[in-house]
Amino acid sequence: MESSRGNGIQLLLAAEQEAQHIVNAARNAKLARLKQAKDEAEREATEFRAQMEAQYQKKLTETSGDSGANVKRLEQETEVKIGHLKSDGSRISHDVIDMLLRQVTTVKN
């Protein structure tokens, strides 16, 4: 009985050591997977940040390019409006001068 009991204890100790190895292996695998997941997340965040920065720079370039085009368009529209005002002014200037002279020369009681 003494030998079977010693043999049983040896079996239990061997089983406990094997279980400890399994637990350690699982723990190491979990830590390795967590590290891998962290590295993947950092890589994806870096890629996303670079993509967003590229989109921002593209929009910034488009916007600043458009402002130059807008300035030219506004200058052209302004020149056209000034031309219309000058032509309208020269067309009605005689009528305005006549009206002013009439008002100034008319005597009222």
PDB file of N, CA and C in Angstrom:
ATOM      1  N   MET A   1       0.822  -1.164   0.000  1.00  0.00           N
ATOM      2  CA  MET A   1       0.000   0.000   0.000  1.00  0.00           C
ATOM      3  C   MET A   1       0.889   1.259   0.000  1.00  0.00           C
ATOM      4  N   GLU A   2       1.935   1.182   0.706  1.00  0.00           N
ATOM      5  CA  GLU A   2       2.885   2.285   0.781  1.00  0.00           C
ATOM      6  C   GLU A   2       3.431   2.611  -0.601  1.00  0.00           C
ATOM      7  N   SER A   3       3.712   1.666  -1.442  1.00  0.00           N
ATOM      8  CA  SER A   3       4.271   1.899  -2.773  1.00  0.00           C
ATOM      9  C   SER A   3       3.212   2.457  -3.723  1.00  0.00           C
ATOM     10  N   SER A   4       1.977   2.002  -3.572  1.00  0.00           N
ATOM     11  CA  SER A   4       0.919   2.535  -4.443  1.00  0.00           C
ATOM     12  C   SER A   4       0.595   3.975  -4.061  1.00  0.00           C
ATOM     13  N   ARG A   5       0.682   4.243  -2.762  1.00  0.00           N
ATOM     14  CA  ARG A   5       0.444   5.598  -2.306  1.00  0.00           C
ATOM     15  C   ARG A   5       1.566   6.523  -2.800  1.00  0.00           C
ATOM     16  N   GLY A   6       2.791   6.155  -2.747  1.00  0.00           N
ATOM     17  CA  GLY A   6       3.945   6.915  -3.237  1.00  0.00           C
ATOM     18  C   GLY A   6       3.878   7.080  -4.742  1.00  0.00           C
ATOM     19  N   ASN A   7       3.403   6.018  -5.403  1.00  0.00           N
ATOM     20  CA  ASN A   7       3.247   6.062  -6.856  1.00  0.00           C
ATOM     21  C   ASN A   7       2.132   7.046  -7.232  1.00  0.00           C
ATOM     22  N   GLY A   8       1.064   7.064  -6.461  1.00  0.00           N
ATOM     23  CA  GLY A   8      -0.060   7.974  -6.700  1.00  0.00           C
ATOM     24  C   GLY A   8       0.356   9.422  -6.507  1.00  0.00           C
ATOM     25  N   ILE A   9       1.182   9.650  -5.471  1.00  0.00           N
ATOM     26  CA  ILE A   9       1.654  11.012  -5.219  1.00  0.00           C
ATOM     27  C   ILE A   9       2.543  11.477  -6.366  1.00  0.00           C
ATOM     28  N   GLN A  10       3.381  10.536  -6.840  1.00  0.00           N
ATOM     29  CA  GLN A  10       4.253  10.870  -7.978  1.00  0.00           C
ATOM     30  C   GLN A  10       3.410  11.223  -9.213  1.00  0.00           C
ATOM     31  N   LEU A  11       2.326  10.466  -9.421  1.00  0.00           N
ATOM     32  CA  LEU A  11       1.433  10.741 -10.548  1.00  0.00           C
ATOM     33  C   LEU A  11       0.761  12.106 -10.389  1.00  0.00           C
ATOM     34  N   LEU A  12       0.324  12.411  -9.173  1.00  0.00           N
ATOM     35  CA  LEU A  12      -0.301  13.714  -8.921  1.00  0.00           C
ATOM     36  C   LEU A  12       0.687  14.857  -9.141  1.00  0.00           C
ATOM     37  N   LEU A  13       1.907  14.688  -8.665  1.00  0.00           N
ATOM     38  CA  LEU A  13       2.923  15.721  -8.858  1.00  0.00           C
ATOM     39  C   LEU A  13       3.242  15.904 -10.343  1.00  0.00           C
ATOM     40  N   ALA A  14       3.318  14.813 -11.073  1.00  0.00           N
ATOM     41  CA  ALA A  14       3.581  14.887 -12.510  1.00  0.00           C
ATOM     42  C   ALA A  14       2.422  15.576 -13.227  1.00  0.00           C
ATOM     43  N   ALA A  15       1.194  15.253 -12.831  1.00  0.00           N
ATOM     44  CA  ALA A  15       0.018  15.872 -13.429  1.00  0.00           C
ATOM     45  C   ALA A  15      -0.008  17.363 -13.102  1.00  0.00           C
ATOM     46  N   GLU A  16       0.357  17.724 -11.870  1.00  0.00           N
ATOM     47  CA  GLU A  16       0.370  19.127 -11.472  1.00  0.00           C
ATOM     48  C   GLU A  16       1.416  19.899 -12.275  1.00  0.00           C
ATOM     49  N   GLN A  17       2.595  19.297 -12.471  1.00  0.00           N
ATOM     50  CA  GLN A  17       3.634  19.950 -13.263  1.00  0.00           C
ATOM     51  C   GLN A  17       3.193  20.124 -14.718  1.00  0.00           C
ATOM     52  N   GLU A  18       2.548  19.103 -15.254  1.00  0.00           N
ATOM     53  CA  GLU A  18       2.056  19.170 -16.626  1.00  0.00           C
ATOM     54  C   GLU A  18       0.986  20.267 -16.752  1.00  0.00           C
ATOM     55  N   ALA A  19       0.103  20.364 -15.762  1.00  0.00           N
ATOM     56  CA  ALA A  19      -0.934  21.395 -15.761  1.00  0.00           C
ATOM     57  C   ALA A  19      -0.296  22.782 -15.678  1.00  0.00           C
ATOM     58  N   GLN A  20       0.743  22.893 -14.847  1.00  0.00           N
ATOM     59  CA  GLN A  20       1.437  24.173 -14.717  1.00  0.00           C
ATOM     60  C   GLN A  20       2.089  24.576 -16.038  1.00  0.00           C
ATOM     61  N   HIS A  21       2.673  23.584 -16.750  1.00  0.00           N
ATOM     62  CA  HIS A  21       3.264  23.865 -18.065  1.00  0.00           C
ATOM     63  C   HIS A  21       2.191  24.325 -19.053  1.00  0.00           C
ATOM     64  N   ILE A  22       1.036  23.687 -19.005  1.00  0.00           N
ATOM     65  CA  ILE A  22      -0.069  24.057 -19.906  1.00  0.00           C
ATOM     66  C   ILE A  22      -0.546  25.483 -19.605  1.00  0.00           C
ATOM     67  N   VAL A  23      -0.691  25.793 -18.308  1.00  0.00           N
ATOM     68  CA  VAL A  23      -1.135  27.131 -17.910  1.00  0.00           C
ATOM     69  C   VAL A  23      -0.104  28.181 -18.326  1.00  0.00           C
ATOM     70  N   ASN A  24       1.172  27.886 -18.116  1.00  0.00           N
ATOM     71  CA  ASN A  24       2.231  28.818 -18.506  1.00  0.00           C
ATOM     72  C   ASN A  24       2.253  29.029 -20.021  1.00  0.00           C
ATOM     73  N   ALA A  25       2.086  27.951 -20.760  1.00  0.00           N
ATOM     74  CA  ALA A  25       2.066  28.056 -22.223  1.00  0.00           C
ATOM     75  C   ALA A  25       0.878  28.907 -22.678  1.00  0.00           C
ATOM     76  N   ALA A  26      -0.270  28.711 -22.063  1.00  0.00           N
ATOM     77  CA  ALA A  26      -1.453  29.504 -22.412  1.00  0.00           C
ATOM     78  C   ALA A  26      -1.246  30.971 -22.062  1.00  0.00           C
ATOM     79  N   ARG A  27      -0.658  31.220 -20.899  1.00  0.00           N
ATOM     80  CA  ARG A  27      -0.384  32.590 -20.469  1.00  0.00           C
ATOM     81  C   ARG A  27       0.588  33.270 -21.438  1.00  0.00           C
ATOM     82  N   ASN A  28       1.636  32.550 -21.833  1.00  0.00           N
ATOM     83  CA  ASN A  28       2.605  33.106 -22.785  1.00  0.00           C
ATOM     84  C   ASN A  28       1.961  33.358 -24.147  1.00  0.00           C
ATOM     85  N   ALA A  29       1.099  32.447 -24.575  1.00  0.00           N
ATOM     86  CA  ALA A  29       0.398  32.632 -25.852  1.00  0.00           C
ATOM     87  C   ALA A  29      -0.519  33.848 -25.793  1.00  0.00           C
ATOM     88  N   LYS A  30      -1.187  34.030 -24.660  1.00  0.00           N
ATOM     89  CA  LYS A  30      -2.080  35.174 -24.475  1.00  0.00           C
ATOM     90  C   LYS A  30      -1.283  36.475 -24.530  1.00  0.00           C
ATOM     91  N   LEU A  31      -0.144  36.525 -23.830  1.00  0.00           N
ATOM     92  CA  LEU A  31       0.692  37.719 -23.842  1.00  0.00           C
ATOM     93  C   LEU A  31       1.225  38.010 -25.240  1.00  0.00           C
ATOM     94  N   ALA A  32       1.622  36.963 -25.953  1.00  0.00           N
ATOM     95  CA  ALA A  32       2.120  37.142 -27.314  1.00  0.00           C
ATOM     96  C   ALA A  32       1.010  37.686 -28.221  1.00  0.00           C
ATOM     97  N   ARG A  33      -0.200  37.166 -28.060  1.00  0.00           N
ATOM     98  CA  ARG A  33      -1.332  37.621 -28.879  1.00  0.00           C
ATOM     99  C   ARG A  33      -1.701  39.072 -28.545  1.00  0.00           C
ATOM    100  N   LEU A  34      -1.635  39.437 -27.253  1.00  0.00           N
ATOM    101  CA  LEU A  34      -1.914  40.813 -26.865  1.00  0.00           C
ATOM    102  C   LEU A  34      -0.882  41.776 -27.468  1.00  0.00           C
ATOM    103  N   LYS A  35       0.378  41.369 -27.449  1.00  0.00           N
ATOM    104  CA  LYS A  35       1.433  42.190 -28.027  1.00  0.00           C
ATOM    105  C   LYS A  35       1.223  42.331 -29.528  1.00  0.00           C
ATOM    106  N   GLN A  36       0.863  41.241 -30.183  1.00  0.00           N
ATOM    107  CA  GLN A  36       0.613  41.268 -31.620  1.00  0.00           C
ATOM    108  C   GLN A  36      -0.579  42.187 -31.935  1.00  0.00           C
ATOM    109  N   ALA A  37      -1.640  42.077 -31.145  1.00  0.00           N
ATOM    110  CA  ALA A  37      -2.822  42.918 -31.361  1.00  0.00           C
ATOM    111  C   ALA A  37      -2.471  44.399 -31.165  1.00  0.00           C
ATOM    112  N   LYS A  38      -1.654  44.695 -30.160  1.00  0.00           N
ATOM    113  CA  LYS A  38      -1.239  46.074 -29.906  1.00  0.00           C
ATOM    114  C   LYS A  38      -0.420  46.603 -31.079  1.00  0.00           C
ATOM    115  N   ASP A  39       0.498  45.797 -31.581  1.00  0.00           N
ATOM    116  CA  ASP A  39       1.316  46.205 -32.722  1.00  0.00           C
ATOM    117  C   ASP A  39       0.453  46.443 -33.957  1.00  0.00           C
ATOM    118  N   GLU A  40      -0.529  45.557 -34.195  1.00  0.00           N
ATOM    119  CA  GLU A  40      -1.427  45.725 -35.336  1.00  0.00           C
ATOM    120  C   GLU A  40      -2.256  46.997 -35.193  1.00  0.00           C
ATOM    121  N   ALA A  41      -2.737  47.266 -33.991  1.00  0.00           N
ATOM    122  CA  ALA A  41      -3.539  48.469 -33.758  1.00  0.00           C
ATOM    123  C   ALA A  41      -2.704  49.733 -33.984  1.00  0.00           C
ATOM    124  N   GLU A  42      -1.478  49.733 -33.515  1.00  0.00           N
ATOM    125  CA  GLU A  42      -0.603  50.883 -33.731  1.00  0.00           C
ATOM    126  C   GLU A  42      -0.323  51.086 -35.213  1.00  0.00           C
ATOM    127  N   ARG A  43      -0.100  49.999 -35.938  1.00  0.00           N
ATOM    128  CA  ARG A  43       0.165  50.083 -37.373  1.00  0.00           C
ATOM    129  C   ARG A  43      -1.055  50.640 -38.109  1.00  0.00           C
ATOM    130  N   GLU A  44      -2.247  50.121 -37.756  1.00  0.00           N
ATOM    131  CA  GLU A  44      -3.473  50.599 -38.395  1.00  0.00           C
ATOM    132  C   GLU A  44      -3.724  52.072 -38.067  1.00  0.00           C
ATOM    133  N   ALA A  45      -3.459  52.456 -36.821  1.00  0.00           N
ATOM    134  CA  ALA A  45      -3.643  53.859 -36.434  1.00  0.00           C
ATOM    135  C   ALA A  45      -2.684  54.753 -37.212  1.00  0.00           C
ATOM    136  N   THR A  46      -1.457  54.313 -37.394  1.00  0.00           N
ATOM    137  CA  THR A  46      -0.476  55.081 -38.154  1.00  0.00           C
ATOM    138  C   THR A  46      -0.909  55.213 -39.615  1.00  0.00           C
ATOM    139  N   GLU A  47      -1.376  54.111 -40.199  1.00  0.00           N
ATOM    140  CA  GLU A  47      -1.851  54.152 -41.585  1.00  0.00           C
ATOM    141  C   GLU A  47      -3.058  55.081 -41.719  1.00  0.00           C
ATOM    142  N   PHE A  48      -3.990  54.997 -40.774  1.00  0.00           N
ATOM    143  CA  PHE A  48      -5.180  55.836 -40.812  1.00  0.00           C
ATOM    144  C   PHE A  48      -4.800  57.309 -40.681  1.00  0.00           C
ATOM    145  N   ARG A  49      -3.895  57.589 -39.769  1.00  0.00           N
ATOM    146  CA  ARG A  49      -3.437  58.964 -39.561  1.00  0.00           C
ATOM    147  C   ARG A  49      -2.800  59.499 -40.844  1.00  0.00           C
ATOM    148  N   ALA A  50      -1.969  58.680 -41.503  1.00  0.00           N
ATOM    149  CA  ALA A  50      -1.323  59.098 -42.746  1.00  0.00           C
ATOM    150  C   ALA A  50      -2.363  59.336 -43.844  1.00  0.00           C
ATOM    151  N   GLN A  51      -3.362  58.469 -43.906  1.00  0.00           N
ATOM    152  CA  GLN A  51      -4.424  58.617 -44.905  1.00  0.00           C
ATOM    153  C   GLN A  51      -5.218  59.907 -44.666  1.00  0.00           C
ATOM    154  N   MET A  52      -5.572  60.167 -43.417  1.00  0.00           N
ATOM    155  CA  MET A  52      -6.322  61.392 -43.102  1.00  0.00           C
ATOM    156  C   MET A  52      -5.482  62.639 -43.387  1.00  0.00           C
ATOM    157  N   GLU A  53      -4.192  62.574 -43.097  1.00  0.00           N
ATOM    158  CA  GLU A  53      -3.301  63.702 -43.370  1.00  0.00           C
ATOM    159  C   GLU A  53      -3.216  63.956 -44.874  1.00  0.00           C
ATOM    160  N   ALA A  54      -3.145  62.878 -45.661  1.00  0.00           N
ATOM    161  CA  ALA A  54      -3.096  63.021 -47.118  1.00  0.00           C
ATOM    162  C   ALA A  54      -4.384  63.650 -47.642  1.00  0.00           C
ATOM    163  N   GLN A  55      -5.523  63.216 -47.121  1.00  0.00           N
ATOM    164  CA  GLN A  55      -6.800  63.798 -47.542  1.00  0.00           C
ATOM    165  C   GLN A  55      -6.865  65.275 -47.163  1.00  0.00           C
ATOM    166  N   TYR A  56      -6.406  65.615 -45.966  1.00  0.00           N
ATOM    167  CA  TYR A  56      -6.400  67.002 -45.511  1.00  0.00           C
ATOM    168  C   TYR A  56      -5.521  67.862 -46.416  1.00  0.00           C
ATOM    169  N   GLN A  57      -4.334  67.365 -46.734  1.00  0.00           N
ATOM    170  CA  GLN A  57      -3.421  68.121 -47.591  1.00  0.00           C
ATOM    171  C   GLN A  57      -4.017  68.306 -48.981  1.00  0.00           C
ATOM    172  N   LYS A  58      -4.701  67.267 -49.483  1.00  0.00           N
ATOM    173  CA  LYS A  58      -5.336  67.353 -50.801  1.00  0.00           C
ATOM    174  C   LYS A  58      -6.426  68.416 -50.789  1.00  0.00           C
ATOM    175  N   LYS A  59      -7.278  68.414 -49.761  1.00  0.00           N
ATOM    176  CA  LYS A  59      -8.341  69.416 -49.672  1.00  0.00           C
ATOM    177  C   LYS A  59      -7.752  70.812 -49.497  1.00  0.00           C
ATOM    178  N   LEU A  60      -6.694  70.917 -48.725  1.00  0.00           N
ATOM    179  CA  LEU A  60      -6.046  72.201 -48.516  1.00  0.00           C
ATOM    180  C   LEU A  60      -5.501  72.732 -49.840  1.00  0.00           C
ATOM    181  N   THR A  61      -4.899  71.860 -50.628  1.00  0.00           N
ATOM    182  CA  THR A  61      -4.369  72.252 -51.933  1.00  0.00           C
ATOM    183  C   THR A  61      -5.495  72.667 -52.867  1.00  0.00           C
ATOM    184  N   GLU A  62      -6.583  71.883 -52.869  1.00  0.00           N
ATOM    185  CA  GLU A  62      -7.724  72.212 -53.724  1.00  0.00           C
ATOM    186  C   GLU A  62      -8.326  73.549 -53.324  1.00  0.00           C
ATOM    187  N   THR A  63      -8.455  73.783 -52.033  1.00  0.00           N
ATOM    188  CA  THR A  63      -9.066  75.011 -51.552  1.00  0.00           C
ATOM    189  C   THR A  63      -8.190  76.215 -51.888  1.00  0.00           C
ATOM    190  N   SER A  64      -6.906  76.095 -51.659  1.00  0.00           N
ATOM    191  CA  SER A  64      -6.030  77.229 -51.950  1.00  0.00           C
ATOM    192  C   SER A  64      -5.944  77.452 -53.449  1.00  0.00           C
ATOM    193  N   GLY A  65      -6.017  76.412 -54.245  1.00  0.00           N
ATOM    194  CA  GLY A  65      -6.035  76.557 -55.698  1.00  0.00           C
ATOM    195  C   GLY A  65      -7.305  77.239 -56.156  1.00  0.00           C
ATOM    196  N   ASP A  66      -8.416  76.905 -55.541  1.00  0.00           N
ATOM    197  CA  ASP A  66      -9.693  77.508 -55.894  1.00  0.00           C
ATOM    198  C   ASP A  66      -9.733  78.975 -55.520  1.00  0.00           C
ATOM    199  N   SER A  67      -9.072  79.357 -54.442  1.00  0.00           N
ATOM    200  CA  SER A  67      -9.116  80.757 -54.030  1.00  0.00           C
ATOM    201  C   SER A  67      -8.464  81.629 -55.092  1.00  0.00           C
ATOM    202  N   GLY A  68      -7.419  81.179 -55.718  1.00  0.00           N
ATOM    203  CA  GLY A  68      -6.789  81.925 -56.803  1.00  0.00           C
ATOM    204  C   GLY A  68      -7.733  82.063 -57.983  1.00  0.00           C
ATOM    205  N   ALA A  69      -8.435  80.982 -58.306  1.00  0.00           N
ATOM    206  CA  ALA A  69      -9.402  81.016 -59.388  1.00  0.00           C
ATOM    207  C   ALA A  69     -10.565  81.928 -59.020  1.00  0.00           C
ATOM    208  N   ASN A  70     -10.989  81.888 -57.761  1.00  0.00           N
ATOM    209  CA  ASN A  70     -12.084  82.751 -57.310  1.00  0.00           C
ATOM    210  C   ASN A  70     -11.695  84.218 -57.394  1.00  0.00           C
ATOM    211  N   VAL A  71     -10.476  84.534 -57.034  1.00  0.00           N
ATOM    212  CA  VAL A  71     -10.014  85.917 -57.094  1.00  0.00           C
ATOM    213  C   VAL A  71     -10.056  86.407 -58.537  1.00  0.00           C
ATOM    214  N   LYS A  72      -9.571  85.586 -59.459  1.00  0.00           N
ATOM    215  CA  LYS A  72      -9.584  85.978 -60.873  1.00  0.00           C
ATOM    216  C   LYS A  72     -11.017  86.156 -61.364  1.00  0.00           C
ATOM    217  N   ARG A  73     -11.899  85.248 -60.992  1.00  0.00           N
ATOM    218  CA  ARG A  73     -13.291  85.341 -61.418  1.00  0.00           C
ATOM    219  C   ARG A  73     -13.936  86.604 -60.862  1.00  0.00           C
ATOM    220  N   LEU A  74     -13.678  86.887 -59.580  1.00  0.00           N
ATOM    221  CA  LEU A  74     -14.239  88.087 -58.964  1.00  0.00           C
ATOM    222  C   LEU A  74     -13.684  89.355 -59.610  1.00  0.00           C
ATOM    223  N   GLU A  75     -12.415  89.361 -59.947  1.00  0.00           N
ATOM    224  CA  GLU A  75     -11.828  90.523 -60.623  1.00  0.00           C
ATOM    225  C   GLU A  75     -12.483  90.747 -61.976  1.00  0.00           C
ATOM    226  N   GLN A  76     -12.729  89.657 -62.713  1.00  0.00           N
ATOM    227  CA  GLN A  76     -13.384  89.774 -64.012  1.00  0.00           C
ATOM    228  C   GLN A  76     -14.807  90.296 -63.854  1.00  0.00           C
ATOM    229  N   GLU A  77     -15.537  89.755 -62.893  1.00  0.00           N
ATOM    230  CA  GLU A  77     -16.910  90.215 -62.663  1.00  0.00           C
ATOM    231  C   GLU A  77     -16.926  91.686 -62.258  1.00  0.00           C
ATOM    232  N   THR A  78     -15.971  92.089 -61.438  1.00  0.00           N
ATOM    233  CA  THR A  78     -15.887  93.486 -61.009  1.00  0.00           C
ATOM    234  C   THR A  78     -15.618  94.397 -62.204  1.00  0.00           C
ATOM    235  N   GLU A  79     -14.702  94.001 -63.065  1.00  0.00           N
ATOM    236  CA  GLU A  79     -14.397  94.796 -64.253  1.00  0.00           C
ATOM    237  C   GLU A  79     -15.627  94.939 -65.141  1.00  0.00           C
ATOM    238  N   VAL A  80     -16.387  93.865 -65.302  1.00  0.00           N
ATOM    239  CA  VAL A  80     -17.605  93.908 -66.113  1.00  0.00           C
ATOM    240  C   VAL A  80     -18.609  94.876 -65.489  1.00  0.00           C
ATOM    241  N   LYS A  81     -18.802  94.794 -64.169  1.00  0.00           N
ATOM    242  CA  LYS A  81     -19.752  95.684 -63.492  1.00  0.00           C
ATOM    243  C   LYS A  81     -19.305  97.139 -63.580  1.00  0.00           C
ATOM    244  N   ILE A  82     -18.020  97.379 -63.430  1.00  0.00           N
ATOM    245  CA  ILE A  82     -17.508  98.748 -63.559  1.00  0.00           C
ATOM    246  C   ILE A  82     -17.763  99.268 -64.968  1.00  0.00           C
ATOM    247  N   GLY A  83     -17.552  98.417 -65.959  1.00  0.00           N
ATOM    248  CA  GLY A  83     -17.828  98.816 -67.348  1.00  0.00           C
ATOM    249  C   GLY A  83     -19.287  99.173 -67.544  1.00  0.00           C
ATOM    250  N   HIS A  84     -20.200  98.371 -66.958  1.00  0.00           N
ATOM    251  CA  HIS A  84     -21.633  98.672 -67.056  1.00  0.00           C
ATOM    252  C   HIS A  84     -21.954 100.008 -66.388  1.00  0.00           C
ATOM    253  N   LEU A  85     -21.397 100.251 -65.206  1.00  0.00           N
ATOM    254  CA  LEU A  85     -21.655 101.497 -64.505  1.00  0.00           C
ATOM    255  C   LEU A  85     -21.138 102.706 -65.290  1.00  0.00           C
ATOM    256  N   LYS A  86     -19.942 102.576 -65.884  1.00  0.00           N
ATOM    257  CA  LYS A  86     -19.393 103.682 -66.675  1.00  0.00           C
ATOM    258  C   LYS A  86     -20.254 103.959 -67.895  1.00  0.00           C
ATOM    259  N   SER A  87     -20.694 102.908 -68.569  1.00  0.00           N
ATOM    260  CA  SER A  87     -21.528 103.124 -69.759  1.00  0.00           C
ATOM    261  C   SER A  87     -22.882 103.718 -69.370  1.00  0.00           C
ATOM    262  N   ASP A  88     -23.475 103.223 -68.266  1.00  0.00           N
ATOM    263  CA  ASP A  88     -24.744 103.788 -67.798  1.00  0.00           C
ATOM    264  C   ASP A  88     -24.555 105.243 -67.384  1.00  0.00           C
ATOM    265  N   GLY A  89     -23.462 105.535 -66.708  1.00  0.00           N
ATOM    266  CA  GLY A  89     -23.186 106.903 -66.276  1.00  0.00           C
ATOM    267  C   GLY A  89     -23.005 107.835 -67.453  1.00  0.00           C
ATOM    268  N   SER A  90     -22.248 107.416 -68.453  1.00  0.00           N
ATOM    269  CA  SER A  90     -22.045 108.282 -69.618  1.00  0.00           C
ATOM    270  C   SER A  90     -23.343 108.436 -70.413  1.00  0.00           C
ATOM    271  N   ARG A  91     -24.205 107.429 -70.408  1.00  0.00           N
ATOM    272  CA  ARG A  91     -25.471 107.479 -71.139  1.00  0.00           C
ATOM    273  C   ARG A  91     -26.434 108.467 -70.490  1.00  0.00           C
ATOM    274  N   ILE A  92     -26.492 108.508 -69.177  1.00  0.00           N
ATOM    275  CA  ILE A  92     -27.481 109.369 -68.511  1.00  0.00           C
ATOM    276  C   ILE A  92     -26.880 110.652 -67.949  1.00  0.00           C
ATOM    277  N   SER A  93     -25.595 110.883 -68.160  1.00  0.00           N
ATOM    278  CA  SER A  93     -24.961 112.077 -67.583  1.00  0.00           C
ATOM    279  C   SER A  93     -25.582 113.363 -68.140  1.00  0.00           C
ATOM    280  N   HIS A  94     -25.939 113.384 -69.419  1.00  0.00           N
ATOM    281  CA  HIS A  94     -26.547 114.585 -69.996  1.00  0.00           C
ATOM    282  C   HIS A  94     -27.891 114.868 -69.332  1.00  0.00           C
ATOM    283  N   ASP A  95     -28.671 113.826 -69.100  1.00  0.00           N
ATOM    284  CA  ASP A  95     -29.974 114.015 -68.455  1.00  0.00           C
ATOM    285  C   ASP A  95     -29.797 114.531 -67.023  1.00  0.00           C
ATOM    286  N   VAL A  96     -28.825 114.021 -66.309  1.00  0.00           N
ATOM    287  CA  VAL A  96     -28.581 114.436 -64.933  1.00  0.00           C
ATOM    288  C   VAL A  96     -28.140 115.899 -64.906  1.00  0.00           C
ATOM    289  N   ILE A  97     -27.258 116.280 -65.830  1.00  0.00           N
ATOM    290  CA  ILE A  97     -26.771 117.660 -65.875  1.00  0.00           C
ATOM    291  C   ILE A  97     -27.934 118.608 -66.184  1.00  0.00           C
ATOM    292  N   ASP A  98     -28.776 118.227 -67.142  1.00  0.00           N
ATOM    293  CA  ASP A  98     -29.938 119.059 -67.466  1.00  0.00           C
ATOM    294  C   ASP A  98     -30.850 119.206 -66.253  1.00  0.00           C
ATOM    295  N   MET A  99     -31.109 118.126 -65.534  1.00  0.00           N
ATOM    296  CA  MET A  99     -31.986 118.164 -64.357  1.00  0.00           C
ATOM    297  C   MET A  99     -31.390 119.068 -63.275  1.00  0.00           C
ATOM    298  N   LEU A 100     -30.098 118.962 -63.039  1.00  0.00           N
ATOM    299  CA  LEU A 100     -29.440 119.798 -62.033  1.00  0.00           C
ATOM    300  C   LEU A 100     -29.498 121.278 -62.424  1.00  0.00           C
ATOM    301  N   LEU A 101     -29.239 121.575 -63.675  1.00  0.00           N
ATOM    302  CA  LEU A 101     -29.281 122.965 -64.124  1.00  0.00           C
ATOM    303  C   LEU A 101     -30.692 123.528 -63.995  1.00  0.00           C
ATOM    304  N   ARG A 102     -31.691 122.748 -64.317  1.00  0.00           N
ATOM    305  CA  ARG A 102     -33.074 123.178 -64.181  1.00  0.00           C
ATOM    306  C   ARG A 102     -33.402 123.491 -62.724  1.00  0.00           C
ATOM    307  N   GLN A 103     -32.945 122.610 -61.806  1.00  0.00           N
ATOM    308  CA  GLN A 103     -33.238 122.818 -60.384  1.00  0.00           C
ATOM    309  C   GLN A 103     -32.536 124.057 -59.834  1.00  0.00           C
ATOM    310  N   VAL A 104     -31.325 124.273 -60.301  1.00  0.00           N
ATOM    311  CA  VAL A 104     -30.545 125.389 -59.794  1.00  0.00           C
ATOM    312  C   VAL A 104     -31.073 126.719 -60.351  1.00  0.00           C
ATOM    313  N   THR A 105     -31.500 126.706 -61.594  1.00  0.00           N
ATOM    314  CA  THR A 105     -31.915 127.957 -62.224  1.00  0.00           C
ATOM    315  C   THR A 105     -33.373 128.299 -61.978  1.00  0.00           C
ATOM    316  N   THR A 106     -34.150 127.401 -61.472  1.00  0.00           N
ATOM    317  CA  THR A 106     -35.552 127.693 -61.221  1.00  0.00           C
ATOM    318  C   THR A 106     -35.690 128.387 -59.866  1.00  0.00           C
ATOM    319  N   VAL A 107     -36.442 129.492 -59.889  1.00  0.00           N
ATOM    320  CA  VAL A 107     -36.647 130.269 -58.676  1.00  0.00           C
ATOM    321  C   VAL A 107     -38.022 129.925 -58.152  1.00  0.00           C
ATOM    322  N   LYS A 108     -38.091 129.618 -56.888  1.00  0.00           N
ATOM    323  CA  LYS A 108     -39.377 129.291 -56.271  1.00  0.00           C
ATOM    324  C   LYS A 108     -39.650 130.279 -55.169  1.00  0.00           C
ATOM    325  N   ASN A 109     -40.937 130.534 -54.965  1.00  0.00           N
ATOM    326  CA  ASN A 109     -41.343 131.457 -53.911  1.00  0.00           C
ATOM    327  C   ASN A 109     -41.569 130.733 -52.649  1.00  0.00           C
TER     328      ASN A 109
END
